C-alpha atoms as a PDB file:
ATOM      1  CA  MET A   1      40.819 -83.993 -78.998  1.00  0.00           C
ATOM      2  CA  SER A   2      40.506 -85.604 -75.565  1.00  0.00           C
ATOM      3  CA  LYS A   3      39.172 -89.113 -75.071  1.00  0.00           C
ATOM      4  CA  ILE A   4      35.368 -89.238 -75.088  1.00  0.00           C
ATOM      5  CA  LYS A   5      34.070 -89.612 -71.539  1.00  0.00           C
ATOM      6  CA  CYS A   6      30.388 -88.795 -72.065  1.00  0.00           C
ATOM      7  CA  VAL A   7      27.944 -89.320 -74.954  1.00  0.00           C
ATOM      8  CA  ILE A   8      24.904 -87.055 -75.189  1.00  0.00           C
ATOM      9  CA  PHE A   9      22.029 -88.492 -77.213  1.00  0.00           C
ATOM     10  CA  ASP A  10      19.056 -86.798 -78.757  1.00  0.00           C
ATOM     11  CA  CYS A  11      15.897 -88.866 -78.143  1.00  0.00           C
ATOM     12  CA  ASP A  12      13.377 -88.896 -81.006  1.00  0.00           C
ATOM     13  CA  GLY A  13      14.914 -90.448 -84.094  1.00  0.00           C
ATOM     14  CA  THR A  14      18.190 -91.181 -82.288  1.00  0.00           C
ATOM     15  CA  LEU A  15      17.465 -93.370 -79.260  1.00  0.00           C
ATOM     16  CA  VAL A  16      13.976 -94.349 -80.424  1.00  0.00           C
ATOM     17  CA  ASP A  17      12.611 -94.970 -83.915  1.00  0.00           C
ATOM     18  CA  SER A  18       9.923 -92.329 -83.660  1.00  0.00           C
ATOM     19  CA  GLU A  19      10.071 -90.101 -86.737  1.00  0.00           C
ATOM     20  CA  ARG A  20       7.699 -92.138 -88.884  1.00  0.00           C
ATOM     21  CA  LEU A  21       5.217 -92.249 -86.005  1.00  0.00           C
ATOM     22  CA  CYS A  22       5.472 -88.484 -85.506  1.00  0.00           C
ATOM     23  CA  CYS A  23       4.773 -87.997 -89.211  1.00  0.00           C
ATOM     24  CA  GLN A  24       1.830 -90.384 -89.047  1.00  0.00           C
ATOM     25  CA  ALA A  25       0.491 -88.411 -86.093  1.00  0.00           C
ATOM     26  CA  LEU A  26       0.711 -85.205 -88.140  1.00  0.00           C
ATOM     27  CA  ALA A  27      -1.042 -86.885 -91.061  1.00  0.00           C
ATOM     28  CA  ASN A  28      -3.814 -88.165 -88.811  1.00  0.00           C
ATOM     29  CA  VAL A  29      -4.358 -84.805 -87.119  1.00  0.00           C
ATOM     30  CA  PHE A  30      -4.334 -82.767 -90.312  1.00  0.00           C
ATOM     31  CA  THR A  31      -6.794 -85.213 -91.867  1.00  0.00           C
ATOM     32  CA  GLU A  32      -9.259 -83.889 -89.297  1.00  0.00           C
ATOM     33  CA  PHE A  33      -8.737 -80.462 -90.832  1.00  0.00           C
ATOM     34  CA  GLY A  34      -9.218 -81.584 -94.432  1.00  0.00           C
ATOM     35  CA  ARG A  35      -5.609 -82.123 -95.504  1.00  0.00           C
ATOM     36  CA  GLU A  36      -5.108 -85.606 -96.949  1.00  0.00           C
ATOM     37  CA  LEU A  37      -1.373 -86.201 -97.423  1.00  0.00           C
ATOM     38  CA  PRO A  38       0.674 -89.396 -97.000  1.00  0.00           C
ATOM     39  CA  ALA A  39       2.636 -89.517 -93.747  1.00  0.00           C
ATOM     40  CA  GLU A  40       5.881 -89.487 -95.744  1.00  0.00           C
ATOM     41  CA  GLU A  41       5.044 -86.013 -97.036  1.00  0.00           C
ATOM     42  CA  TYR A  42       5.288 -84.650 -93.514  1.00  0.00           C
ATOM     43  CA  MET A  43       8.878 -85.863 -93.021  1.00  0.00           C
ATOM     44  CA  LYS A  44      10.243 -82.668 -94.584  1.00  0.00           C
ATOM     45  CA  TYR A  45       8.679 -80.631 -91.770  1.00  0.00           C
ATOM     46  CA  PHE A  46      10.550 -82.565 -89.057  1.00  0.00           C
ATOM     47  CA  GLN A  47      13.978 -80.960 -89.035  1.00  0.00           C
ATOM     48  CA  GLY A  48      14.441 -80.543 -85.296  1.00  0.00           C
ATOM     49  CA  GLY A  49      13.709 -77.408 -83.342  1.00  0.00           C
ATOM     50  CA  LYS A  50      10.815 -76.469 -81.113  1.00  0.00           C
ATOM     51  CA  LEU A  51       7.520 -78.304 -81.687  1.00  0.00           C
ATOM     52  CA  ALA A  52       5.545 -75.066 -81.857  1.00  0.00           C
ATOM     53  CA  ASP A  53       7.823 -73.865 -84.666  1.00  0.00           C
ATOM     54  CA  ILE A  54       7.487 -77.169 -86.532  1.00  0.00           C
ATOM     55  CA  LEU A  55       3.699 -77.037 -86.292  1.00  0.00           C
ATOM     56  CA  SER A  56       3.611 -73.368 -87.317  1.00  0.00           C
ATOM     57  CA  HIS A  57       5.765 -74.097 -90.361  1.00  0.00           C
ATOM     58  CA  THR A  58       3.541 -77.035 -91.293  1.00  0.00           C
ATOM     59  CA  LEU A  59       0.441 -74.853 -91.011  1.00  0.00           C
ATOM     60  CA  ASP A  60       2.029 -72.277 -93.290  1.00  0.00           C
ATOM     61  CA  GLN A  61       2.972 -74.898 -95.862  1.00  0.00           C
ATOM     62  CA  LEU A  62      -0.518 -76.377 -95.843  1.00  0.00           C
ATOM     63  CA  GLU A  63      -2.155 -72.924 -95.832  1.00  0.00           C
ATOM     64  CA  LEU A  64      -4.247 -73.612 -92.765  1.00  0.00           C
ATOM     65  CA  ASP A  65      -5.295 -71.178 -90.051  1.00  0.00           C
ATOM     66  CA  ILE A  66      -5.525 -73.222 -86.854  1.00  0.00           C
ATOM     67  CA  SER A  67      -4.582 -72.105 -83.360  1.00  0.00           C
ATOM     68  CA  LEU A  68      -1.541 -73.868 -81.889  1.00  0.00           C
ATOM     69  CA  ASP A  69      -3.507 -74.052 -78.631  1.00  0.00           C
ATOM     70  CA  GLU A  70      -5.892 -76.369 -80.472  1.00  0.00           C
ATOM     71  CA  LEU A  71      -3.379 -78.165 -82.685  1.00  0.00           C
ATOM     72  CA  GLU A  72      -0.555 -78.991 -80.275  1.00  0.00           C
ATOM     73  CA  PRO A  73      -2.648 -80.969 -77.729  1.00  0.00           C
ATOM     74  CA  LYS A  74      -4.223 -82.961 -80.571  1.00  0.00           C
ATOM     75  CA  TYR A  75      -0.821 -83.741 -82.015  1.00  0.00           C
ATOM     76  CA  ARG A  76       0.690 -84.735 -78.655  1.00  0.00           C
ATOM     77  CA  ALA A  77      -2.288 -86.985 -77.844  1.00  0.00           C
ATOM     78  CA  GLU A  78      -2.087 -88.722 -81.232  1.00  0.00           C
ATOM     79  CA  THR A  79       1.684 -89.119 -80.925  1.00  0.00           C
ATOM     80  CA  LYS A  80       1.265 -90.693 -77.486  1.00  0.00           C
ATOM     81  CA  ARG A  81      -1.347 -93.107 -78.852  1.00  0.00           C
ATOM     82  CA  LEU A  82       0.886 -94.213 -81.730  1.00  0.00           C
ATOM     83  CA  PHE A  83       3.956 -94.471 -79.496  1.00  0.00           C
ATOM     84  CA  GLU A  84       2.113 -96.746 -77.077  1.00  0.00           C
ATOM     85  CA  LEU A  85       1.141 -99.009 -79.981  1.00  0.00           C
ATOM     86  CA  HIS A  86       4.255 -99.036 -82.137  1.00  0.00           C
ATOM     87  CA  LEU A  87       7.362 -97.312 -80.705  1.00  0.00           C
ATOM     88  CA  GLN A  88      10.614 -99.298 -80.906  1.00  0.00           C
ATOM     89  CA  PRO A  89      14.211 -98.511 -79.883  1.00  0.00           C
ATOM     90  CA  THR A  90      16.564 -97.528 -82.686  1.00  0.00           C
ATOM     91  CA  GLN A  91      18.096-100.649 -84.172  1.00  0.00           C
ATOM     92  CA  GLY A  92      21.412-101.358 -82.503  1.00  0.00           C
ATOM     93  CA  ILE A  93      21.112 -98.792 -79.695  1.00  0.00           C
ATOM     94  CA  GLU A  94      21.174-101.380 -76.901  1.00  0.00           C
ATOM     95  CA  THR A  95      24.480-102.726 -78.235  1.00  0.00           C
ATOM     96  CA  VAL A  96      25.907 -99.192 -78.306  1.00  0.00           C
ATOM     97  CA  LEU A  97      24.811 -98.569 -74.720  1.00  0.00           C
ATOM     98  CA  ASP A  98      26.276-101.902 -73.620  1.00  0.00           C
ATOM     99  CA  TYR A  99      29.568-100.876 -75.233  1.00  0.00           C
ATOM    100  CA  LEU A 100      29.556 -97.524 -73.417  1.00  0.00           C
ATOM    101  CA  ASP A 101      28.890 -99.320 -70.130  1.00  0.00           C
ATOM    102  CA  THR A 102      31.810-101.704 -70.632  1.00  0.00           C
ATOM    103  CA  GLN A 103      34.112 -98.795 -71.510  1.00  0.00           C
ATOM    104  CA  GLY A 104      33.041 -96.757 -68.489  1.00  0.00           C
ATOM    105  CA  ILE A 105      31.725 -93.968 -70.727  1.00  0.00           C
ATOM    106  CA  ALA A 106      28.832 -91.986 -69.282  1.00  0.00           C
ATOM    107  CA  TYR A 107      25.779 -91.085 -71.339  1.00  0.00           C
ATOM    108  CA  CYS A 108      22.582 -89.055 -71.106  1.00  0.00           C
ATOM    109  CA  VAL A 109      19.719 -87.760 -73.252  1.00  0.00           C
ATOM    110  CA  ALA A 110      19.101 -84.124 -74.214  1.00  0.00           C
ATOM    111  CA  SER A 111      15.886 -83.490 -76.113  1.00  0.00           C
ATOM    112  CA  ASN A 112      13.645 -80.603 -77.150  1.00  0.00           C
ATOM    113  CA  ALA A 113      10.666 -82.637 -75.917  1.00  0.00           C
ATOM    114  CA  PRO A 114       9.088 -82.226 -72.456  1.00  0.00           C
ATOM    115  CA  THR A 115      10.531 -84.503 -69.790  1.00  0.00           C
ATOM    116  CA  GLU A 116       7.344 -86.576 -69.541  1.00  0.00           C
ATOM    117  CA  LYS A 117       7.447 -87.318 -73.290  1.00  0.00           C
ATOM    118  CA  ILE A 118      11.122 -88.303 -73.132  1.00  0.00           C
ATOM    119  CA  ARG A 119      10.415 -90.622 -70.202  1.00  0.00           C
ATOM    120  CA  LEU A 120       7.437 -92.175 -71.984  1.00  0.00           C
ATOM    121  CA  SER A 121       9.542 -92.878 -75.086  1.00  0.00           C
ATOM    122  CA  LEU A 122      12.266 -94.491 -72.969  1.00  0.00           C
ATOM    123  CA  GLN A 123       9.763 -96.487 -70.912  1.00  0.00           C
ATOM    124  CA  LEU A 124       8.008 -97.857 -73.998  1.00  0.00           C
ATOM    125  CA  THR A 125      11.338 -99.028 -75.430  1.00  0.00           C
ATOM    126  CA  ASP A 126      12.749-100.431 -72.163  1.00  0.00           C
ATOM    127  CA  LEU A 127      15.541 -97.847 -72.080  1.00  0.00           C
ATOM    128  CA  VAL A 128      14.397 -95.707 -69.171  1.00  0.00           C
ATOM    129  CA  GLU A 129      16.454 -97.479 -66.481  1.00  0.00           C
ATOM    130  CA  ARG A 130      19.636 -96.743 -68.430  1.00  0.00           C
ATOM    131  CA  PHE A 131      18.863 -93.009 -68.416  1.00  0.00           C
ATOM    132  CA  GLU A 132      17.429 -92.619 -64.936  1.00  0.00           C
ATOM    133  CA  GLY A 133      18.574 -89.279 -63.521  1.00  0.00           C
ATOM    134  CA  LYS A 134      20.194 -88.380 -66.854  1.00  0.00           C
ATOM    135  CA  ILE A 135      17.262 -86.891 -68.805  1.00  0.00           C
ATOM    136  CA  TYR A 136      17.579 -83.246 -69.873  1.00  0.00           C
ATOM    137  CA  SER A 137      14.762 -81.365 -71.564  1.00  0.00           C
ATOM    138  CA  ALA A 138      14.812 -78.054 -73.406  1.00  0.00           C
ATOM    139  CA  PHE A 139      11.953 -77.066 -71.103  1.00  0.00           C
ATOM    140  CA  ASP A 140      14.444 -77.296 -68.201  1.00  0.00           C
ATOM    141  CA  ALA A 141      16.918 -75.094 -70.041  1.00  0.00           C
ATOM    142  CA  ASN A 142      14.145 -72.824 -71.376  1.00  0.00           C
ATOM    143  CA  SER A 143      16.082 -72.943 -74.636  1.00  0.00           C
ATOM    144  CA  TRP A 144      15.600 -75.133 -77.696  1.00  0.00           C
ATOM    145  CA  LYS A 145      17.967 -76.579 -80.282  1.00  0.00           C
ATOM    146  CA  PRO A 146      19.747 -75.325 -82.352  1.00  0.00           C
ATOM    147  CA  GLU A 147      20.655 -73.042 -79.425  1.00  0.00           C
ATOM    148  CA  PRO A 148      23.505 -74.597 -77.396  1.00  0.00           C
ATOM    149  CA  ASP A 149      22.079 -74.104 -73.888  1.00  0.00           C
ATOM    150  CA  LEU A 150      20.504 -77.556 -73.563  1.00  0.00           C
ATOM    151  CA  ILE A 151      23.761 -79.272 -74.491  1.00  0.00           C
ATOM    152  CA  HIS A 152      25.638 -77.109 -72.010  1.00  0.00           C
ATOM    153  CA  LEU A 153      23.064 -77.973 -69.328  1.00  0.00           C
ATOM    154  CA  ALA A 154      23.543 -81.691 -69.966  1.00  0.00           C
ATOM    155  CA  MET A 155      27.342 -81.416 -69.866  1.00  0.00           C
ATOM    156  CA  MET A 156      27.304 -79.378 -66.668  1.00  0.00           C
ATOM    157  CA  ASN A 157      24.995 -81.798 -64.869  1.00  0.00           C
ATOM    158  CA  MET A 158      26.938 -84.828 -66.077  1.00  0.00           C
ATOM    159  CA  GLY A 159      30.175 -83.206 -64.893  1.00  0.00           C
ATOM    160  CA  PHE A 160      32.159 -83.192 -68.128  1.00  0.00           C
ATOM    161  CA  SER A 161      33.852 -80.522 -70.197  1.00  0.00           C
ATOM    162  CA  VAL A 162      33.187 -79.669 -73.841  1.00  0.00           C
ATOM    163  CA  ASN A 163      36.190 -81.609 -75.155  1.00  0.00           C
ATOM    164  CA  GLU A 164      35.197 -84.749 -73.242  1.00  0.00           C
ATOM    165  CA  CYS A 165      31.742 -85.099 -74.819  1.00  0.00           C
ATOM    166  CA  LEU A 166      30.222 -86.459 -78.024  1.00  0.00           C
ATOM    167  CA  TYR A 167      26.739 -85.434 -79.156  1.00  0.00           C
ATOM    168  CA  ILE A 168      24.492 -87.350 -81.583  1.00  0.00           C
ATOM    169  CA  ASP A 169      21.334 -86.021 -83.262  1.00  0.00           C
ATOM    170  CA  ASP A 170      19.317 -87.102 -86.290  1.00  0.00           C
ATOM    171  CA  THR A 171      18.407 -83.673 -87.718  1.00  0.00           C
ATOM    172  CA  PRO A 172      20.639 -80.901 -89.074  1.00  0.00           C
ATOM    173  CA  LYS A 173      19.049 -78.341 -86.756  1.00  0.00           C
ATOM    174  CA  GLY A 174      19.524 -80.608 -83.751  1.00  0.00           C
ATOM    175  CA  ALA A 175      23.108 -81.413 -84.685  1.00  0.00           C
ATOM    176  CA  LEU A 176      23.791 -77.710 -85.030  1.00  0.00           C
ATOM    177  CA  ALA A 177      23.072 -77.365 -81.307  1.00  0.00           C
ATOM    178  CA  GLY A 178      26.085 -79.559 -80.625  1.00  0.00           C
ATOM    179  CA  VAL A 179      28.247 -77.554 -82.991  1.00  0.00           C
ATOM    180  CA  ASN A 180      27.084 -74.316 -81.379  1.00  0.00           C
ATOM    181  CA  ALA A 181      27.962 -75.775 -77.986  1.00  0.00           C
ATOM    182  CA  GLY A 182      31.483 -76.565 -79.181  1.00  0.00           C
ATOM    183  CA  VAL A 183      31.005 -80.314 -78.776  1.00  0.00           C
ATOM    184  CA  GLU A 184      32.191 -83.067 -81.122  1.00  0.00           C
ATOM    185  CA  THR A 185      28.969 -83.845 -83.005  1.00  0.00           C
ATOM    186  CA  LEU A 186      27.649 -86.636 -85.226  1.00  0.00           C
ATOM    187  CA  LEU A 187      24.611 -86.420 -87.470  1.00  0.00           C
ATOM    188  CA  TYR A 188      22.756 -89.732 -87.525  1.00  0.00           C
ATOM    189  CA  LYS A 189      21.263 -89.634 -91.010  1.00  0.00           C
ATOM    190  CA  THR A 190      18.022 -91.636 -90.994  1.00  0.00           C
ATOM    191  CA  GLN A 191      16.388 -89.956 -94.003  1.00  0.00           C
ATOM    192  CA  ASN A 192      17.229 -88.061 -97.178  1.00  0.00           C
ATOM    193  CA  LEU A 193      18.204 -84.689 -95.750  1.00  0.00           C
ATOM    194  CA  GLY A 194      19.481 -83.316 -99.045  1.00  0.00           C
ATOM    195  CA  SER A 195      21.669 -80.242 -99.334  1.00  0.00           C
ATOM    196  CA  GLU A 196      21.153 -79.221 -95.699  1.00  0.00           C
ATOM    197  CA  VAL A 197      23.694 -81.859 -94.689  1.00  0.00           C
ATOM    198  CA  ASP A 198      26.134 -80.748 -97.357  1.00  0.00           C
ATOM    199  CA  ASP A 199      26.012 -77.203 -95.992  1.00  0.00           C
ATOM    200  CA  LEU A 200      27.077 -78.357 -92.515  1.00  0.00           C
ATOM    201  CA  ASP A 201      30.587 -79.443 -91.605  1.00  0.00           C
ATOM    202  CA  ILE A 202      29.348 -82.308 -89.425  1.00  0.00           C
ATOM    203  CA  PRO A 203      30.402 -85.963 -89.730  1.00  0.00           C
ATOM    204  CA  VAL A 204      27.505 -88.196 -90.786  1.00  0.00           C
ATOM    205  CA  ILE A 205      26.745 -91.770 -89.713  1.00  0.00           C
ATOM    206  CA  ASP A 206      23.997 -93.922 -91.196  1.00  0.00           C
ATOM    207  CA  GLU A 207      23.999 -96.627 -88.536  1.00  0.00           C
ATOM    208  CA  ILE A 208      23.884 -95.948 -84.814  1.00  0.00           C
ATOM    209  CA  SER A 209      26.588 -98.613 -84.267  1.00  0.00           C
ATOM    210  CA  GLN A 210      29.096 -96.309 -85.981  1.00  0.00           C
ATOM    211  CA  ILE A 211      29.232 -94.273 -82.764  1.00  0.00           C
ATOM    212  CA  LYS A 212      31.625 -96.938 -81.459  1.00  0.00           C
ATOM    213  CA  THR A 213      34.002 -96.401 -84.391  1.00  0.00           C
ATOM    214  CA  ARG A 214      33.970 -92.637 -83.819  1.00  0.00           C
ATOM    215  CA  ILE A 215      34.767 -93.025 -80.124  1.00  0.00           C
ATOM    216  CA  GLU A 216      37.627 -95.428 -80.824  1.00  0.00           C
ATOM    217  CA  ALA A 217      39.048 -93.022 -83.410  1.00  0.00           C
ATOM    218  CA  VAL A 218      39.652 -90.368 -80.750  1.00  0.00           C
ATOM    219  CA  ALA A 219      40.644 -92.743 -77.947  1.00  0.00           C
END
């Protein structure tokens, strides 16, 4: 494999510590509809993919009949409120980005979220300046992970080939987008993902700082 020249990051759960807040937002919204579950119970529904699909799956599991046109704006508004109060960068991510800067390795973010949500997350965690002009949304590609198009869009715009890039995501479905794109991929395991991880031939890291070790291994 060629030396890594560009690192592509997922956003939620990878650059920013957002998953628990997203689950709390789901818990808060579904409480309005009579479903009282701890926020931790919603973690199993967050496995990457398109938000509409995640919400639809959650509705099915909770046996609720609510229009996504009603549910999605409520969820996004509650997520924004919680992010503004509590969102933090992933522990150790600034050190990783500093390392990439010193090594002359480019980096960007590729997320299923809308661009405005990605920017908000990066602004709230003081990361936005590092990713200015390097934010790629599935809404731009009109294609969502695990499809590979978003990763290809990021690579093309950054000006690197498949064998020069490394992709990091915190969900099996998100990581599969990197695999489908033919890119060296790491799964940042922040929760108990169970057998789904075992079924994928993707290297796993449990600390974001381990990205450095992976890059040095292929240098």
